[in-house]
C-alpha atoms as a PDB file:
ATOM      1  CA  MET A   1     145.244 -61.684  15.556  1.00  0.00           C
ATOM      2  CA  ILE A   2     144.844 -65.144  14.081  1.00  0.00           C
ATOM      3  CA  ALA A   3     147.020 -67.547  12.139  1.00  0.00           C
ATOM      4  CA  ILE A   4     146.281 -69.277   8.873  1.00  0.00           C
ATOM      5  CA  ILE A   5     148.474 -72.309   8.210  1.00  0.00           C
ATOM      6  CA  SER A   6     148.761 -73.459   4.628  1.00  0.00           C
ATOM      7  CA  GLY A   7     150.309 -76.747   3.619  1.00  0.00           C
ATOM      8  CA  LYS A   8     151.229 -78.148   0.235  1.00  0.00           C
ATOM      9  CA  ILE A   9     151.888 -81.865   0.208  1.00  0.00           C
ATOM     10  CA  LEU A  10     154.946 -83.068  -1.646  1.00  0.00           C
ATOM     11  CA  ASN A  11     154.592 -86.275  -3.688  1.00  0.00           C
ATOM     12  CA  ALA A  12     150.931 -86.735  -2.784  1.00  0.00           C
ATOM     13  CA  TRP A  13     150.351 -88.527  -6.085  1.00  0.00           C
ATOM     14  CA  LYS A  14     152.819 -91.249  -5.065  1.00  0.00           C
ATOM     15  CA  VAL A  15     150.891 -92.378  -1.988  1.00  0.00           C
ATOM     16  CA  ASN A  16     147.371 -93.697  -1.486  1.00  0.00           C
ATOM     17  CA  PRO A  17     145.578 -90.911   0.436  1.00  0.00           C
ATOM     18  CA  ASN A  18     144.085 -93.479   2.792  1.00  0.00           C
ATOM     19  CA  VAL A  19     147.565 -93.775   4.297  1.00  0.00           C
ATOM     20  CA  TRP A  20     147.600 -90.201   5.639  1.00  0.00           C
ATOM     21  CA  LEU A  21     144.192 -88.598   5.155  1.00  0.00           C
ATOM     22  CA  PHE A  22     142.387 -90.116   8.162  1.00  0.00           C
ATOM     23  CA  LYS A  23     145.093 -89.164  10.641  1.00  0.00           C
ATOM     24  CA  LEU A  24     145.355 -85.637   9.254  1.00  0.00           C
ATOM     25  CA  LYS A  25     141.584 -85.127   9.360  1.00  0.00           C
ATOM     26  CA  GLN A  26     141.485 -86.461  12.901  1.00  0.00           C
ATOM     27  CA  TYR A  27     144.071 -83.917  14.016  1.00  0.00           C
ATOM     28  CA  LEU A  28     142.566 -80.973  12.124  1.00  0.00           C
ATOM     29  CA  SER A  29     139.133 -81.799  13.536  1.00  0.00           C
ATOM     30  CA  SER A  30     140.423 -80.926  17.007  1.00  0.00           C
ATOM     31  CA  PHE A  31     140.400 -77.268  15.857  1.00  0.00           C
ATOM     32  CA  GLY A  32     136.825 -77.178  14.598  1.00  0.00           C
ATOM     33  CA  LEU A  33     134.701 -78.219  11.666  1.00  0.00           C
ATOM     34  CA  PRO A  34     135.455 -78.008   7.953  1.00  0.00           C
ATOM     35  CA  PRO A  35     135.349 -75.948   5.835  1.00  0.00           C
ATOM     36  CA  LEU A  36     135.254 -72.913   8.157  1.00  0.00           C
ATOM     37  CA  HIS A  37     138.137 -73.973  10.393  1.00  0.00           C
ATOM     38  CA  TRP A  38     140.101 -76.251   8.067  1.00  0.00           C
ATOM     39  CA  GLU A  39     140.088 -77.574   4.532  1.00  0.00           C
ATOM     40  CA  ILE A  40     141.874 -80.262   2.550  1.00  0.00           C
ATOM     41  CA  PHE A  41     141.527 -79.698  -1.168  1.00  0.00           C
ATOM     42  CA  GLY A  42     143.004 -80.615  -4.509  1.00  0.00           C
ATOM     43  CA  GLY A  43     144.371 -83.827  -3.060  1.00  0.00           C
ATOM     44  CA  ASN A  44     147.560 -82.044  -2.024  1.00  0.00           C
ATOM     45  CA  ALA A  45     146.763 -78.864  -0.095  1.00  0.00           C
ATOM     46  CA  LEU A  46     145.373 -77.825   3.275  1.00  0.00           C
ATOM     47  CA  LEU A  47     144.349 -74.712   5.178  1.00  0.00           C
ATOM     48  CA  LEU A  48     143.851 -74.397   8.931  1.00  0.00           C
ATOM     49  CA  LYS A  49     142.817 -71.463  11.124  1.00  0.00           C
ATOM     50  CA  VAL A  50     144.236 -71.400  14.650  1.00  0.00           C
ATOM     51  CA  ALA A  51     145.006 -68.943  17.411  1.00  0.00           C
ATOM     52  CA  ALA A  52     148.258 -67.141  16.673  1.00  0.00           C
ATOM     53  CA  GLN A  53     150.002 -68.446  19.789  1.00  0.00           C
ATOM     54  CA  ASP A  54     149.252 -72.043  18.765  1.00  0.00           C
ATOM     55  CA  ALA A  55     150.385 -71.740  15.163  1.00  0.00           C
ATOM     56  CA  LEU A  56     153.990 -72.904  15.385  1.00  0.00           C
ATOM     57  CA  TRP A  57     153.326 -75.963  17.549  1.00  0.00           C
ATOM     58  CA  THR A  58     150.386 -76.923  15.355  1.00  0.00           C
ATOM     59  CA  ALA A  59     152.424 -76.621  12.162  1.00  0.00           C
ATOM     60  CA  ILE A  60     155.216 -78.730  13.654  1.00  0.00           C
ATOM     61  CA  CYS A  61     152.674 -81.437  14.489  1.00  0.00           C
ATOM     62  CA  ILE A  62     151.378 -81.387  10.903  1.00  0.00           C
ATOM     63  CA  LYS A  63     154.979 -81.757   9.752  1.00  0.00           C
ATOM     64  CA  ALA A  64     155.384 -84.778  12.032  1.00  0.00           C
ATOM     65  CA  ILE A  65     152.237 -86.416  10.626  1.00  0.00           C
ATOM     66  CA  PHE A  66     153.567 -86.252   7.083  1.00  0.00           C
ATOM     67  CA  ARG A  67     157.083 -87.353   8.047  1.00  0.00           C
ATOM     68  CA  GLN A  68     155.559 -90.665   9.176  1.00  0.00           C
ATOM     69  CA  VAL A  69     154.625 -91.550   5.595  1.00  0.00           C
ATOM     70  CA  PRO A  70     157.536 -92.579   3.341  1.00  0.00           C
ATOM     71  CA  ASP A  71     157.772 -90.431   0.181  1.00  0.00           C
ATOM     72  CA  LEU A  72     155.575 -87.682   1.658  1.00  0.00           C
ATOM     73  CA  ASP A  73     156.458 -84.324   3.150  1.00  0.00           C
ATOM     74  CA  VAL A  74     154.826 -80.923   3.382  1.00  0.00           C
ATOM     75  CA  ALA A  75     155.721 -77.296   2.669  1.00  0.00           C
ATOM     76  CA  LEU A  76     154.233 -75.135   5.407  1.00  0.00           C
ATOM     77  CA  SER A  77     153.496 -71.432   5.644  1.00  0.00           C
ATOM     78  CA  ILE A  78     152.080 -69.508   8.600  1.00  0.00           C
ATOM     79  CA  GLY A  79     150.322 -66.190   8.054  1.00  0.00           C
ATOM     80  CA  LEU A  80     149.890 -64.049  11.168  1.00  0.00           C
ATOM     81  CA  GLY A  81     147.395 -61.215  10.908  1.00  0.00           C
ATOM     82  CA  THR A  82     143.762 -60.267  10.745  1.00  0.00           C
ATOM     83  CA  GLU A  83     140.625 -61.930   9.529  1.00  0.00           C
ATOM     84  CA  GLU A  84     138.476 -59.282   7.886  1.00  0.00           C
ATOM     85  CA  GLN A  85     135.937 -61.522   6.200  1.00  0.00           C
ATOM     86  CA  THR A  86     134.725 -65.077   6.593  1.00  0.00           C
ATOM     87  CA  GLY A  87     133.166 -66.980   3.737  1.00  0.00           C
ATOM     88  CA  SER A  88     131.595 -70.338   3.098  1.00  0.00           C
ATOM     89  CA  SER A  89     135.052 -71.872   3.497  1.00  0.00           C
ATOM     90  CA  LEU A  90     138.562 -70.860   4.490  1.00  0.00           C
ATOM     91  CA  ARG A  91     139.443 -70.402   0.846  1.00  0.00           C
ATOM     92  CA  ASN A  92     136.848 -67.640   0.691  1.00  0.00           C
ATOM     93  CA  GLY A  93     138.142 -65.830   3.770  1.00  0.00           C
ATOM     94  CA  ALA A  94     139.958 -62.517   3.601  1.00  0.00           C
ATOM     95  CA  GLY A  95     142.420 -60.604   5.735  1.00  0.00           C
ATOM     96  CA  THR A  96     146.130 -60.151   6.190  1.00  0.00           C
ATOM     97  CA  ALA A  97     146.526 -63.610   7.759  1.00  0.00           C
ATOM     98  CA  TYR A  98     145.202 -65.136   4.533  1.00  0.00           C
ATOM     99  CA  ASP A  99     147.438 -62.931   2.410  1.00  0.00           C
ATOM    100  CA  TYR A 100     150.556 -63.695   4.421  1.00  0.00           C
ATOM    101  CA  CYS A 101     150.193 -67.490   4.341  1.00  0.00           C
ATOM    102  CA  ASN A 102     150.529 -67.341   0.541  1.00  0.00           C
ATOM    103  CA  TRP A 103     148.357 -70.378  -0.075  1.00  0.00           C
ATOM    104  CA  GLN A 104     147.676 -69.215  -3.634  1.00  0.00           C
ATOM    105  CA  ALA A 105     151.203 -67.991  -4.325  1.00  0.00           C
ATOM    106  CA  GLU A 106     152.045 -70.781  -6.733  1.00  0.00           C
ATOM    107  CA  GLU A 107     149.969 -73.388  -8.474  1.00  0.00           C
ATOM    108  CA  ARG A 108     152.615 -76.079  -8.526  1.00  0.00           C
ATOM    109  CA  ILE A 109     153.606 -77.963  -5.417  1.00  0.00           C
ATOM    110  CA  PRO A 110     157.121 -76.917  -4.350  1.00  0.00           C
ATOM    111  CA  LYS A 111     159.931 -79.425  -4.682  1.00  0.00           C
ATOM    112  CA  GLN A 112     161.264 -78.848  -1.173  1.00  0.00           C
ATOM    113  CA  ALA A 113     159.701 -79.151   2.258  1.00  0.00           C
ATOM    114  CA  THR A 114     159.921 -75.516   3.307  1.00  0.00           C
ATOM    115  CA  PHE A 115     158.627 -73.825   6.455  1.00  0.00           C
ATOM    116  CA  ALA A 116     158.007 -70.075   6.530  1.00  0.00           C
ATOM    117  CA  LEU A 117     156.204 -67.417   8.539  1.00  0.00           C
ATOM    118  CA  GLN A 118     154.992 -63.952   7.610  1.00  0.00           C
ATOM    119  CA  SER A 119     153.434 -61.145   9.626  1.00  0.00           C
ATOM    120  CA  ALA A 120     153.215 -57.353   9.488  1.00  0.00           C
ATOM    121  CA  ASP A 121     156.609 -57.116  11.197  1.00  0.00           C
ATOM    122  CA  PRO A 122     159.478 -57.754   8.715  1.00  0.00           C
ATOM    123  CA  SER A 123     162.092 -57.788  11.484  1.00  0.00           C
ATOM    124  CA  PHE A 124     160.266 -60.521  13.378  1.00  0.00           C
ATOM    125  CA  ASP A 125     159.789 -62.469  10.147  1.00  0.00           C
ATOM    126  CA  ARG A 126     163.474 -62.348   9.185  1.00  0.00           C
ATOM    127  CA  GLN A 127     164.564 -63.466  12.621  1.00  0.00           C
ATOM    128  CA  PHE A 128     162.067 -66.263  12.956  1.00  0.00           C
ATOM    129  CA  ASN A 129     162.425 -67.594   9.441  1.00  0.00           C
ATOM    130  CA  LEU A 130     166.138 -67.983  10.077  1.00  0.00           C
ATOM    131  CA  LEU A 131     165.316 -70.060  13.168  1.00  0.00           C
ATOM    132  CA  LEU A 132     162.869 -72.126  11.138  1.00  0.00           C
ATOM    133  CA  ASP A 133     165.560 -72.791   8.530  1.00  0.00           C
ATOM    134  CA  PHE A 134     167.776 -74.194  11.265  1.00  0.00           C
ATOM    135  CA  ALA A 135     164.908 -76.252  12.714  1.00  0.00           C
ATOM    136  CA  LEU A 136     164.198 -77.715   9.284  1.00  0.00           C
ATOM    137  CA  VAL A 137     167.688 -79.209   9.163  1.00  0.00           C
ATOM    138  CA  SER A 138     166.456 -81.626  11.828  1.00  0.00           C
ATOM    139  CA  MET A 139     162.777 -81.884  10.899  1.00  0.00           C
ATOM    140  CA  ASN A 140     163.486 -82.783   7.282  1.00  0.00           C
ATOM    141  CA  GLU A 141     165.563 -85.720   8.524  1.00  0.00           C
ATOM    142  CA  TRP A 142     163.082 -87.145  11.023  1.00  0.00           C
ATOM    143  CA  SER A 143     162.619 -90.864  10.696  1.00  0.00           C
ATOM    144  CA  VAL A 144     159.127 -92.352  10.850  1.00  0.00           C
ATOM    145  CA  LEU A 145     159.663 -93.335  14.489  1.00  0.00           C
ATOM    146  CA  GLU A 146     161.030 -89.940  15.491  1.00  0.00           C
ATOM    147  CA  ALA A 147     158.144 -88.140  13.796  1.00  0.00           C
ATOM    148  CA  GLU A 148     155.680 -90.401  15.600  1.00  0.00           C
ATOM    149  CA  ILE A 149     157.155 -89.470  18.972  1.00  0.00           C
ATOM    150  CA  VAL A 150     157.041 -85.768  18.116  1.00  0.00           C
ATOM    151  CA  GLU A 151     153.383 -86.022  17.106  1.00  0.00           C
ATOM    152  CA  LEU A 152     152.366 -87.907  20.245  1.00  0.00           C
ATOM    153  CA  SER A 153     154.373 -85.583  22.505  1.00  0.00           C
ATOM    154  CA  ILE A 154     152.625 -82.531  21.016  1.00  0.00           C
ATOM    155  CA  ILE A 155     149.092 -83.959  20.995  1.00  0.00           C
ATOM    156  CA  PHE A 156     149.368 -85.477  24.475  1.00  0.00           C
ATOM    157  CA  PRO A 157     151.613 -83.110  26.473  1.00  0.00           C
ATOM    158  CA  GLU A 158     150.170 -84.394  29.733  1.00  0.00           C
ATOM    159  CA  LYS A 159     151.459 -87.928  29.147  1.00  0.00           C
ATOM    160  CA  SER A 160     154.819 -88.976  30.513  1.00  0.00           C
ATOM    161  CA  GLN A 161     157.435 -90.711  28.429  1.00  0.00           C
ATOM    162  CA  GLN A 162     156.598 -93.929  30.257  1.00  0.00           C
ATOM    163  CA  GLU A 163     152.918 -93.605  29.338  1.00  0.00           C
ATOM    164  CA  ILE A 164     153.810 -93.046  25.690  1.00  0.00           C
ATOM    165  CA  ALA A 165     156.166 -96.012  25.845  1.00  0.00           C
ATOM    166  CA  ASP A 166     153.429 -98.234  27.311  1.00  0.00           C
ATOM    167  CA  TRP A 167     151.065 -97.109  24.560  1.00  0.00           C
ATOM    168  CA  LEU A 168     153.589 -97.943  21.834  1.00  0.00           C
ATOM    169  CA  ARG A 169     154.755-101.079  23.659  1.00  0.00           C
ATOM    170  CA  ILE A 170     158.363 -99.983  23.694  1.00  0.00           C
ATOM    171  CA  ARG A 171     160.798 -99.087  26.450  1.00  0.00           C
ATOM    172  CA  GLN A 172     160.806 -95.644  28.009  1.00  0.00           C
ATOM    173  CA  SER A 173     164.445 -95.316  26.995  1.00  0.00           C
ATOM    174  CA  ALA A 174     163.406 -95.721  23.343  1.00  0.00           C
ATOM    175  CA  VAL A 175     160.980 -92.815  23.679  1.00  0.00           C
ATOM    176  CA  SER A 176     163.709 -90.709  25.248  1.00  0.00           C
ATOM    177  CA  GLN A 177     166.200 -91.573  22.507  1.00  0.00           C
ATOM    178  CA  ARG A 178     163.738 -90.796  19.717  1.00  0.00           C
ATOM    179  CA  ARG A 179     162.844 -87.459  21.274  1.00  0.00           C
ATOM    180  CA  LYS A 180     166.525 -86.660  21.596  1.00  0.00           C
ATOM    181  CA  ARG A 181     167.271 -87.554  17.971  1.00  0.00           C
ATOM    182  CA  ALA A 182     164.309 -85.414  16.890  1.00  0.00           C
ATOM    183  CA  HIS A 183     165.674 -82.507  18.992  1.00  0.00           C
ATOM    184  CA  PHE A 184     162.275 -82.261  20.636  1.00  0.00           C
ATOM    185  CA  ASP A 185     163.493 -80.285  23.644  1.00  0.00           C
ATOM    186  CA  LEU A 186     164.900 -77.628  21.307  1.00  0.00           C
ATOM    187  CA  LEU A 187     161.568 -77.453  19.521  1.00  0.00           C
ATOM    188  CA  VAL A 188     159.866 -76.886  22.877  1.00  0.00           C
ATOM    189  CA  GLN A 189     162.258 -73.995  23.492  1.00  0.00           C
ATOM    190  CA  LEU A 190     161.647 -72.633  20.002  1.00  0.00           C
ATOM    191  CA  ASN A 191     157.891 -72.708  20.534  1.00  0.00           C
ATOM    192  CA  GLN A 192     158.196 -70.895  23.859  1.00  0.00           C
ATOM    193  CA  TYR A 193     160.464 -68.290  22.271  1.00  0.00           C
ATOM    194  CA  TYR A 194     157.901 -67.825  19.493  1.00  0.00           C
ATOM    195  CA  LYS A 195     155.138 -67.225  22.026  1.00  0.00           C
ATOM    196  CA  ASN A 196     157.252 -64.744  23.963  1.00  0.00           C
ATOM    197  CA  GLU A 197     158.235 -62.813  20.838  1.00  0.00           C
ATOM    198  CA  LEU A 198     154.648 -62.836  19.583  1.00  0.00           C
ATOM    199  CA  THR A 199     153.557 -61.158  22.808  1.00  0.00           C
ATOM    200  CA  THR A 200     156.310 -58.565  22.461  1.00  0.00           C
ATOM    201  CA  ILE A 201     155.493 -57.565  18.888  1.00  0.00           C
ATOM    202  CA  THR A 202     151.751 -57.355  19.538  1.00  0.00           C
ATOM    203  CA  GLU A 203     152.444 -55.041  22.475  1.00  0.00           C
ATOM    204  CA  VAL A 204     154.544 -52.793  20.235  1.00  0.00           C
ATOM    205  CA  TYR A 205     152.557 -52.930  17.012  1.00  0.00           C
ATOM    206  CA  GLY A 206     149.103 -53.837  18.251  1.00  0.00           C
ATOM    207  CA  PRO A 207     147.159 -56.685  16.616  1.00  0.00           C
ATOM    208  CA  LEU A 208     149.016 -57.788  13.521  1.00  0.00           C
END
């Protein structure tokens, strides 16, 4: 089982791509080389292939990257399933993971920063999409500073709050407060719950 994450960038035309493109490419490059592991295309869309267990945390980090740019946001979709065919790029790949991420579902960029997941298990999808709706209440309100802390905490899990504070030249208490306002500890719990449930459904249904 793999995951395909699709993202559609809201208001991309309002912002110079140099503001966000380098950071996004830098993060996506940690998963492999384009265009087989990730793609950015059309000036407002992206695809990324990751291990299924890493999909939620990765998508949340992508969300945090875009929340650091005023006027930008991203609609995210995770497809959990199989990869039956690889092509010259992710857009030419085939399998249920590609179908479920719905990256071609609509030509126009959505007006809202949504976050959805789809697999072969409708019960799992209903349950987890409800949790994602609740998580979005917080994520869609992240400030630039809160989103920055979320991104750094995900990319560098080994670093303490003090180390992050030293890097940003702020107090450790500021890091703690920003993580708290971003509800980061709840996101950690959500990600662990996702991993646990993913293991359960693959044991019952086999590879999705």
